Each structure stands twice: as structure tokens, then as C-alpha cells.
PDB file of N, CA and C in Angstrom:
ATOM      1  N   UNK A   1      -8.684 -15.186   2.014  1.00  0.00           N
ATOM      2  CA  UNK A   1      -9.193 -13.867   1.659  1.00  0.00           C
ATOM      3  C   UNK A   1      -9.667 -13.163   2.933  1.00  0.00           C
ATOM      4  N   UNK A   2      -9.569 -11.877   2.930  1.00  0.00           N
ATOM      5  CA  UNK A   2      -9.976 -11.094   4.095  1.00  0.00           C
ATOM      6  C   UNK A   2     -11.459 -10.765   3.980  1.00  0.00           C
ATOM      7  N   UNK A   3     -12.290 -11.532   4.644  1.00  0.00           N
ATOM      8  CA  UNK A   3     -13.731 -11.308   4.573  1.00  0.00           C
ATOM      9  C   UNK A   3     -14.120 -10.172   5.512  1.00  0.00           C
ATOM     10  N   UNK A   4     -14.759  -9.151   4.961  1.00  0.00           N
ATOM     11  CA  UNK A   4     -15.239  -8.057   5.780  1.00  0.00           C
ATOM     12  C   UNK A   4     -14.186  -7.044   6.179  1.00  0.00           C
ATOM     13  N   UNK A   5     -12.955  -7.240   5.767  1.00  0.00           N
ATOM     14  CA  UNK A   5     -11.890  -6.291   6.124  1.00  0.00           C
ATOM     15  C   UNK A   5     -11.456  -5.532   4.886  1.00  0.00           C
ATOM     16  N   UNK A   6     -11.237  -4.274   5.068  1.00  0.00           N
ATOM     17  CA  UNK A   6     -10.763  -3.427   3.979  1.00  0.00           C
ATOM     18  C   UNK A   6      -9.261  -3.225   4.133  1.00  0.00           C
ATOM     19  N   UNK A   7      -8.557  -3.311   3.022  1.00  0.00           N
ATOM     20  CA  UNK A   7      -7.116  -3.100   3.072  1.00  0.00           C
ATOM     21  C   UNK A   7      -6.824  -1.628   3.354  1.00  0.00           C
ATOM     22  N   UNK A   8      -7.568  -0.739   2.706  1.00  0.00           N
ATOM     23  CA  UNK A   8      -7.436   0.703   2.939  1.00  0.00           C
ATOM     24  C   UNK A   8      -8.695   1.218   3.625  1.00  0.00           C
ATOM     25  N   UNK A   9      -8.552   2.186   4.495  1.00  0.00           N
ATOM     26  CA  UNK A   9      -9.755   2.834   5.041  1.00  0.00           C
ATOM     27  C   UNK A   9     -10.535   3.521   3.918  1.00  0.00           C
ATOM     28  N   UNK A  10     -11.839   3.616   4.091  1.00  0.00           N
ATOM     29  CA  UNK A  10     -12.693   4.163   3.036  1.00  0.00           C
ATOM     30  C   UNK A  10     -12.318   5.591   2.662  1.00  0.00           C
ATOM     31  N   UNK A  11     -12.008   6.410   3.640  1.00  0.00           N
ATOM     32  CA  UNK A  11     -11.665   7.809   3.340  1.00  0.00           C
ATOM     33  C   UNK A  11     -10.364   7.904   2.559  1.00  0.00           C
ATOM     34  N   UNK A  12      -9.395   7.088   2.929  1.00  0.00           N
ATOM     35  CA  UNK A  12      -8.115   7.092   2.224  1.00  0.00           C
ATOM     36  C   UNK A  12      -8.281   6.589   0.800  1.00  0.00           C
ATOM     37  N   UNK A  13      -9.078   5.546   0.623  1.00  0.00           N
ATOM     38  CA  UNK A  13      -9.322   5.020  -0.717  1.00  0.00           C
ATOM     39  C   UNK A  13     -10.030   6.058  -1.582  1.00  0.00           C
ATOM     40  N   UNK A  14     -11.008   6.748  -1.024  1.00  0.00           N
ATOM     41  CA  UNK A  14     -11.718   7.785  -1.774  1.00  0.00           C
ATOM     42  C   UNK A  14     -10.805   8.934  -2.156  1.00  0.00           C
ATOM     43  N   UNK A  15      -9.952   9.356  -1.233  1.00  0.00           N
ATOM     44  CA  UNK A  15      -9.011  10.439  -1.525  1.00  0.00           C
ATOM     45  C   UNK A  15      -8.009  10.017  -2.589  1.00  0.00           C
ATOM     46  N   UNK A  16      -7.570   8.772  -2.521  1.00  0.00           N
ATOM     47  CA  UNK A  16      -6.617   8.267  -3.511  1.00  0.00           C
ATOM     48  C   UNK A  16      -7.230   8.238  -4.905  1.00  0.00           C
ATOM     49  N   UNK A  17      -8.462   7.774  -5.011  1.00  0.00           N
ATOM     50  CA  UNK A  17      -9.154   7.752  -6.304  1.00  0.00           C
ATOM     51  C   UNK A  17      -9.362   9.169  -6.818  1.00  0.00           C
ATOM     52  N   UNK A  18      -9.751  10.088  -5.942  1.00  0.00           N
ATOM     53  CA  UNK A  18      -9.987  11.473  -6.346  1.00  0.00           C
ATOM     54  C   UNK A  18      -8.713  12.123  -6.870  1.00  0.00           C
ATOM     55  N   UNK A  19      -7.618  11.952  -6.155  1.00  0.00           N
ATOM     56  CA  UNK A  19      -6.354  12.576  -6.560  1.00  0.00           C
ATOM     57  C   UNK A  19      -5.799  11.963  -7.839  1.00  0.00           C
ATOM     58  N   UNK A  20      -5.887  10.644  -7.979  1.00  0.00           N
ATOM     59  CA  UNK A  20      -5.364  10.025  -9.195  1.00  0.00           C
ATOM     60  C   UNK A  20      -6.215  10.377 -10.408  1.00  0.00           C
ATOM     61  N   UNK A  21      -7.527  10.493 -10.243  1.00  0.00           N
ATOM     62  CA  UNK A  21      -8.356  10.894 -11.378  1.00  0.00           C
ATOM     63  C   UNK A  21      -8.070  12.342 -11.771  1.00  0.00           C
ATOM     64  N   UNK A  22      -7.788  13.186 -10.793  1.00  0.00           N
ATOM     65  CA  UNK A  22      -7.396  14.561 -11.104  1.00  0.00           C
ATOM     66  C   UNK A  22      -6.071  14.624 -11.832  1.00  0.00           C
ATOM     67  N   UNK A  23      -5.123  13.771 -11.428  1.00  0.00           N
ATOM     68  CA  UNK A  23      -3.823  13.740 -12.103  1.00  0.00           C
ATOM     69  C   UNK A  23      -3.965  13.256 -13.540  1.00  0.00           C
ATOM     70  N   UNK A  24      -4.818  12.271 -13.764  1.00  0.00           N
ATOM     71  CA  UNK A  24      -5.050  11.780 -15.124  1.00  0.00           C
ATOM     72  C   UNK A  24      -5.695  12.865 -15.971  1.00  0.00           C
ATOM     73  N   UNK A  25      -6.625  13.610 -15.412  1.00  0.00           N
ATOM     74  CA  UNK A  25      -7.266  14.700 -16.142  1.00  0.00           C
ATOM     75  C   UNK A  25      -6.244  15.756 -16.550  1.00  0.00           C
ATOM     76  N   UNK A  26      -5.340  16.111 -15.646  1.00  0.00           N
ATOM     77  CA  UNK A  26      -4.299  17.090 -15.965  1.00  0.00           C
ATOM     78  C   UNK A  26      -3.401  16.564 -17.077  1.00  0.00           C
ATOM     79  N   UNK A  27      -3.018  15.289 -17.009  1.00  0.00           N
ATOM     80  CA  UNK A  27      -2.177  14.711 -18.059  1.00  0.00           C
ATOM     81  C   UNK A  27      -2.884  14.714 -19.406  1.00  0.00           C
ATOM     82  N   UNK A  28      -4.178  14.429 -19.428  1.00  0.00           N
ATOM     83  CA  UNK A  28      -4.926  14.458 -20.685  1.00  0.00           C
ATOM     84  C   UNK A  28      -4.974  15.866 -21.260  1.00  0.00           C
ATOM     85  N   UNK A  29      -5.197  16.859 -20.427  1.00  0.00           N
ATOM     86  CA  UNK A  29      -5.270  18.242 -20.910  1.00  0.00           C
ATOM     87  C   UNK A  29      -3.915  18.695 -21.443  1.00  0.00           C
ATOM     88  N   UNK A  30      -2.839  18.382 -20.725  1.00  0.00           N
ATOM     89  CA  UNK A  30      -1.496  18.759 -21.180  1.00  0.00           C
ATOM     90  C   UNK A  30      -1.166  18.053 -22.486  1.00  0.00           C
ATOM     91  N   UNK A  31      -1.504  16.776 -22.588  1.00  0.00           N
ATOM     92  CA  UNK A  31      -1.259  16.033 -23.829  1.00  0.00           C
ATOM     93  C   UNK A  31      -2.026  16.625 -24.994  1.00  0.00           C
ATOM     94  N   UNK A  32      -3.270  17.006 -24.761  1.00  0.00           N
ATOM     95  CA  UNK A  32      -4.069  17.622 -25.817  1.00  0.00           C
ATOM     96  C   UNK A  32      -3.457  18.942 -26.258  1.00  0.00           C
ATOM     97  N   UNK A  33      -2.999  19.736 -25.313  1.00  0.00           N
ATOM     98  CA  UNK A  33      -2.377  21.020 -25.647  1.00  0.00           C
ATOM     99  C   UNK A  33      -1.090  20.838 -26.446  1.00  0.00           C
ATOM    100  N   UNK A  34      -0.337  19.778 -26.159  1.00  0.00           N
ATOM    101  CA  UNK A  34       0.910  19.542 -26.878  1.00  0.00           C
ATOM    102  C   UNK A  34       0.671  19.007 -28.284  1.00  0.00           C
ATOM    103  N   UNK A  35      -0.355  18.182 -28.454  1.00  0.00           N
ATOM    104  CA  UNK A  35      -0.592  17.517 -29.734  1.00  0.00           C
ATOM    105  C   UNK A  35      -1.473  18.355 -30.660  1.00  0.00           C
ATOM    106  N   UNK A  36      -2.298  19.234 -30.115  1.00  0.00           N
ATOM    107  CA  UNK A  36      -3.283  19.978 -30.898  1.00  0.00           C
ATOM    108  C   UNK A  36      -2.697  20.734 -32.088  1.00  0.00           C
ATOM    109  N   UNK A  37      -1.570  21.424 -31.970  1.00  0.00           N
ATOM    110  CA  UNK A  37      -1.058  22.144 -33.145  1.00  0.00           C
ATOM    111  C   UNK A  37      -0.668  21.223 -34.302  1.00  0.00           C
ATOM    112  N   UNK A  38      -0.223  20.017 -33.997  1.00  0.00           N
ATOM    113  CA  UNK A  38       0.198  19.089 -35.041  1.00  0.00           C
ATOM    114  C   UNK A  38      -0.981  18.371 -35.672  1.00  0.00           C
ATOM    115  N   UNK A  39      -2.049  18.173 -34.914  1.00  0.00           N
ATOM    116  CA  UNK A  39      -3.226  17.474 -35.422  1.00  0.00           C
ATOM    117  C   UNK A  39      -4.133  18.446 -36.171  1.00  0.00           C
ATOM    118  N   UNK A  40      -4.123  19.688 -35.770  1.00  0.00           N
ATOM    119  CA  UNK A  40      -4.926  20.697 -36.445  1.00  0.00           C
ATOM    120  C   UNK A  40      -6.163  21.099 -35.671  1.00  0.00           C
ATOM    121  N   UNK A  41      -6.307  20.626 -34.460  1.00  0.00           N
ATOM    122  CA  UNK A  41      -7.441  21.048 -33.641  1.00  0.00           C
ATOM    123  C   UNK A  41      -7.023  22.223 -32.782  1.00  0.00           C
ATOM    124  N   UNK A  42      -7.969  23.068 -32.478  1.00  0.00           N
ATOM    125  CA  UNK A  42      -7.654  24.201 -31.605  1.00  0.00           C
ATOM    126  C   UNK A  42      -8.124  23.873 -30.203  1.00  0.00           C
ATOM    127  N   UNK A  43      -7.234  24.054 -29.259  1.00  0.00           N
ATOM    128  CA  UNK A  43      -7.605  23.771 -27.870  1.00  0.00           C
ATOM    129  C   UNK A  43      -7.219  24.939 -26.995  1.00  0.00           C
TER     130      UNK A  43
END
């Protein structure tokens, strides 16, 4: 095991988490917009 060593630099890891969480949020919103008319909720 790599003791004390990071596989990714901290800034890169933070940016990766930020961008992927934003992409997941966009996918959730688009999915809600597509499903809402069939489920009966207004979005």
C-alpha cells in the first residue's frame, strides 16, 4: 500500500468530485423533467 502518497493530487481530486457531482445533478434534473408528466408531478 502507498503510505502517505496520494494517487491523485488534492486539487485534481476535488475538481473531479465537483464536476461529477454537477453532472449527476444535471442528470437527475433531466430525468425528473422527462418522467414528471407521466407520474403526475409538476416540475
